[in-house]
Amino acid sequence: MKHVPILALAVTALVLAGCASQPEPEPRPYTDAEVKQFALEMLSRAGLPYEDYEKVRQAILHPRVPEAGKDLPRQAPRRG
């Protein structure tokens, strides 16, 4: 019967220790500059031929974003 109070004290100490620990800080999202820098670093390690390397590098440095709605059909097809 001596084990019950010791076990209860141990469980209480573990619960209180868990409640007292600080929560981990929320990770911040990466900035566009950080993502671009990481992509360039991975590209430099890829071992591509120079022409392919330059194409991908230019795409990373100067991305072409299509205009909104350009990829949509001009007129929706009719169902008969």
N, C-alpha and C. Protein backbone atom coordinates (compact mmCIF):
# COMPACT_ATOMS: atom_id res chain seq x y z
N MET A 1 0.80 -1.20 0.00
CA MET A 1 0.00 0.00 0.00
C MET A 1 0.85 1.27 0.00
N LYS A 2 2.15 1.12 0.26
CA LYS A 2 3.01 2.28 0.26
C LYS A 2 3.24 2.80 -1.16
N HIS A 3 3.01 1.96 -2.14
CA HIS A 3 3.30 2.33 -3.51
C HIS A 3 2.25 3.28 -4.10
N VAL A 4 1.04 3.25 -3.59
CA VAL A 4 -0.03 4.07 -4.15
C VAL A 4 0.26 5.56 -3.97
N PRO A 5 0.63 6.05 -2.79
CA PRO A 5 0.91 7.49 -2.67
C PRO A 5 2.14 7.91 -3.50
N ILE A 6 3.14 7.05 -3.58
CA ILE A 6 4.33 7.38 -4.36
C ILE A 6 3.97 7.45 -5.84
N LEU A 7 3.15 6.52 -6.31
CA LEU A 7 2.73 6.52 -7.70
C LEU A 7 1.87 7.75 -8.01
N ALA A 8 0.97 8.10 -7.10
CA ALA A 8 0.13 9.28 -7.30
C ALA A 8 0.99 10.55 -7.32
N LEU A 9 1.98 10.64 -6.45
CA LEU A 9 2.87 11.79 -6.42
C LEU A 9 3.68 11.88 -7.71
N ALA A 10 4.15 10.73 -8.22
CA ALA A 10 4.92 10.72 -9.46
C ALA A 10 4.06 11.15 -10.64
N VAL A 11 2.83 10.67 -10.72
CA VAL A 11 1.94 11.05 -11.81
C VAL A 11 1.61 12.54 -11.73
N THR A 12 1.37 13.05 -10.54
CA THR A 12 1.08 14.46 -10.35
C THR A 12 2.27 15.32 -10.79
N ALA A 13 3.47 14.89 -10.43
CA ALA A 13 4.68 15.63 -10.80
C ALA A 13 4.84 15.65 -12.32
N LEU A 14 4.58 14.53 -12.98
CA LEU A 14 4.69 14.48 -14.44
C LEU A 14 3.66 15.37 -15.12
N VAL A 15 2.45 15.38 -14.60
CA VAL A 15 1.39 16.22 -15.18
C VAL A 15 1.75 17.70 -15.02
N LEU A 16 2.20 18.08 -13.84
CA LEU A 16 2.57 19.47 -13.60
C LEU A 16 3.78 19.88 -14.42
N ALA A 17 4.72 18.98 -14.61
CA ALA A 17 5.89 19.30 -15.43
C ALA A 17 5.48 19.49 -16.88
N GLY A 18 4.54 18.71 -17.36
CA GLY A 18 4.06 18.87 -18.73
C GLY A 18 3.30 20.17 -18.92
N CYS A 19 2.57 20.58 -17.92
CA CYS A 19 1.82 21.84 -18.02
C CYS A 19 2.74 23.05 -17.94
N ALA A 20 3.88 22.92 -17.27
CA ALA A 20 4.77 24.03 -17.07
C ALA A 20 5.70 24.27 -18.26
N SER A 21 5.82 23.31 -19.16
CA SER A 21 6.74 23.48 -20.28
C SER A 21 6.19 24.52 -21.26
N GLN A 22 7.08 25.27 -21.86
CA GLN A 22 6.70 26.33 -22.79
C GLN A 22 6.32 25.71 -24.14
N PRO A 23 5.29 26.24 -24.79
CA PRO A 23 4.95 25.74 -26.12
C PRO A 23 6.00 26.19 -27.13
N GLU A 24 6.19 25.38 -28.17
CA GLU A 24 7.17 25.73 -29.20
C GLU A 24 6.65 26.92 -29.99
N PRO A 25 7.55 27.81 -30.38
CA PRO A 25 7.09 28.95 -31.17
C PRO A 25 6.60 28.49 -32.54
N GLU A 26 5.60 29.19 -33.03
CA GLU A 26 5.02 28.83 -34.31
C GLU A 26 6.00 29.19 -35.42
N PRO A 27 6.29 28.25 -36.33
CA PRO A 27 7.25 28.58 -37.39
C PRO A 27 6.67 29.63 -38.33
N ARG A 28 7.52 30.55 -38.75
CA ARG A 28 7.07 31.60 -39.65
C ARG A 28 7.16 31.10 -41.08
N PRO A 29 6.32 31.60 -41.96
CA PRO A 29 6.40 31.20 -43.36
C PRO A 29 7.65 31.79 -44.00
N TYR A 30 8.17 31.10 -45.01
CA TYR A 30 9.35 31.59 -45.72
C TYR A 30 8.96 32.76 -46.62
N THR A 31 9.87 33.72 -46.74
CA THR A 31 9.62 34.84 -47.63
C THR A 31 9.91 34.42 -49.07
N ASP A 32 9.44 35.20 -50.02
CA ASP A 32 9.70 34.90 -51.43
C ASP A 32 11.20 34.91 -51.73
N ALA A 33 11.91 35.82 -51.11
CA ALA A 33 13.36 35.90 -51.32
C ALA A 33 14.07 34.65 -50.81
N GLU A 34 13.62 34.12 -49.67
CA GLU A 34 14.22 32.91 -49.12
C GLU A 34 13.94 31.70 -50.01
N VAL A 35 12.73 31.63 -50.53
CA VAL A 35 12.37 30.52 -51.42
C VAL A 35 13.19 30.59 -52.70
N LYS A 36 13.34 31.79 -53.25
CA LYS A 36 14.11 31.97 -54.48
C LYS A 36 15.57 31.60 -54.25
N GLN A 37 16.14 32.03 -53.12
CA GLN A 37 17.53 31.71 -52.81
C GLN A 37 17.73 30.21 -52.66
N PHE A 38 16.80 29.54 -52.01
CA PHE A 38 16.89 28.09 -51.84
C PHE A 38 16.81 27.39 -53.19
N ALA A 39 15.91 27.85 -54.06
CA ALA A 39 15.78 27.25 -55.39
C ALA A 39 17.06 27.42 -56.19
N LEU A 40 17.69 28.58 -56.10
CA LEU A 40 18.95 28.81 -56.81
C LEU A 40 20.07 27.93 -56.26
N GLU A 41 20.10 27.74 -54.96
CA GLU A 41 21.11 26.86 -54.36
C GLU A 41 20.91 25.41 -54.80
N MET A 42 19.68 24.96 -54.84
CA MET A 42 19.42 23.59 -55.29
C MET A 42 19.74 23.43 -56.77
N LEU A 43 19.47 24.46 -57.55
CA LEU A 43 19.78 24.42 -58.98
C LEU A 43 21.28 24.32 -59.20
N SER A 44 22.06 25.05 -58.41
CA SER A 44 23.51 25.01 -58.59
C SER A 44 24.09 23.64 -58.26
N ARG A 45 23.39 22.88 -57.45
CA ARG A 45 23.86 21.54 -57.08
C ARG A 45 23.31 20.44 -57.99
N ALA A 46 22.45 20.82 -58.94
CA ALA A 46 21.77 19.82 -59.75
C ALA A 46 22.67 19.19 -60.82
N GLY A 47 23.69 19.88 -61.25
CA GLY A 47 24.59 19.33 -62.25
C GLY A 47 23.99 19.29 -63.65
N LEU A 48 23.19 20.27 -64.00
CA LEU A 48 22.57 20.33 -65.32
C LEU A 48 23.56 20.86 -66.35
N PRO A 49 23.34 20.55 -67.62
CA PRO A 49 24.12 21.20 -68.67
C PRO A 49 23.86 22.70 -68.63
N TYR A 50 24.81 23.48 -69.15
CA TYR A 50 24.75 24.94 -69.02
C TYR A 50 23.47 25.53 -69.60
N GLU A 51 23.05 25.04 -70.77
CA GLU A 51 21.85 25.60 -71.40
C GLU A 51 20.62 25.37 -70.54
N ASP A 52 20.48 24.16 -70.02
CA ASP A 52 19.34 23.85 -69.16
C ASP A 52 19.41 24.64 -67.86
N TYR A 53 20.63 24.74 -67.31
CA TYR A 53 20.83 25.51 -66.09
C TYR A 53 20.37 26.96 -66.28
N GLU A 54 20.77 27.57 -67.38
CA GLU A 54 20.40 28.96 -67.64
C GLU A 54 18.90 29.13 -67.84
N LYS A 55 18.26 28.18 -68.50
CA LYS A 55 16.80 28.26 -68.69
C LYS A 55 16.08 28.24 -67.35
N VAL A 56 16.47 27.30 -66.51
CA VAL A 56 15.81 27.17 -65.20
C VAL A 56 16.14 28.38 -64.32
N ARG A 57 17.39 28.84 -64.38
CA ARG A 57 17.80 30.00 -63.58
C ARG A 57 17.00 31.24 -63.99
N GLN A 58 16.84 31.45 -65.28
CA GLN A 58 16.06 32.59 -65.73
C GLN A 58 14.59 32.46 -65.32
N ALA A 59 14.07 31.23 -65.34
CA ALA A 59 12.68 31.03 -64.91
C ALA A 59 12.52 31.32 -63.42
N ILE A 60 13.54 31.02 -62.62
CA ILE A 60 13.47 31.31 -61.19
C ILE A 60 13.60 32.81 -60.95
N LEU A 61 14.54 33.44 -61.64
CA LEU A 61 14.79 34.86 -61.41
C LEU A 61 13.69 35.75 -61.99
N HIS A 62 13.11 35.36 -63.13
CA HIS A 62 12.10 36.17 -63.80
C HIS A 62 10.90 35.31 -64.16
N PRO A 63 10.08 34.93 -63.18
CA PRO A 63 8.93 34.07 -63.49
C PRO A 63 7.89 34.81 -64.33
N ARG A 64 7.32 34.09 -65.26
CA ARG A 64 6.24 34.66 -66.08
C ARG A 64 4.92 34.19 -65.50
N VAL A 65 4.13 35.12 -65.05
CA VAL A 65 2.83 34.80 -64.48
C VAL A 65 1.78 35.16 -65.52
N PRO A 66 0.97 34.18 -65.94
CA PRO A 66 -0.03 34.48 -66.95
C PRO A 66 -1.07 35.47 -66.41
N GLU A 67 -1.61 36.26 -67.31
CA GLU A 67 -2.64 37.21 -66.90
C GLU A 67 -3.90 36.45 -66.49
N ALA A 68 -4.63 37.02 -65.58
CA ALA A 68 -5.84 36.37 -65.08
C ALA A 68 -6.85 36.21 -66.21
N GLY A 69 -7.35 35.01 -66.39
CA GLY A 69 -8.39 34.75 -67.36
C GLY A 69 -7.90 34.45 -68.76
N LYS A 70 -6.59 34.56 -69.01
CA LYS A 70 -6.08 34.30 -70.36
C LYS A 70 -6.20 32.83 -70.74
N ASP A 71 -6.10 31.95 -69.76
CA ASP A 71 -6.14 30.54 -70.06
C ASP A 71 -7.57 29.99 -70.13
N LEU A 72 -8.56 30.84 -69.91
CA LEU A 72 -9.94 30.39 -69.96
C LEU A 72 -10.44 30.41 -71.41
N PRO A 73 -11.34 29.51 -71.76
CA PRO A 73 -11.90 29.55 -73.13
C PRO A 73 -12.70 30.81 -73.33
N ARG A 74 -12.75 31.28 -74.58
CA ARG A 74 -13.47 32.52 -74.89
C ARG A 74 -14.97 32.36 -74.69
N GLN A 75 -15.48 31.21 -75.09
CA GLN A 75 -16.90 30.97 -74.92
C GLN A 75 -17.08 29.54 -74.41
N ALA A 76 -17.93 29.39 -73.44
CA ALA A 76 -18.15 28.07 -72.87
C ALA A 76 -18.85 27.19 -73.91
N PRO A 77 -18.44 25.93 -74.05
CA PRO A 77 -19.12 25.06 -75.02
C PRO A 77 -20.57 24.79 -74.60
N ARG A 78 -21.43 24.76 -75.60
CA ARG A 78 -22.85 24.50 -75.30
C ARG A 78 -23.14 23.01 -75.31
N ARG A 79 -24.03 22.68 -74.44
CA ARG A 79 -24.43 21.25 -74.38
C ARG A 79 -25.76 21.12 -75.11
N GLY A 80 -25.84 20.11 -75.94
CA GLY A 80 -27.02 19.96 -76.77
C GLY A 80 -27.97 19.01 -76.24
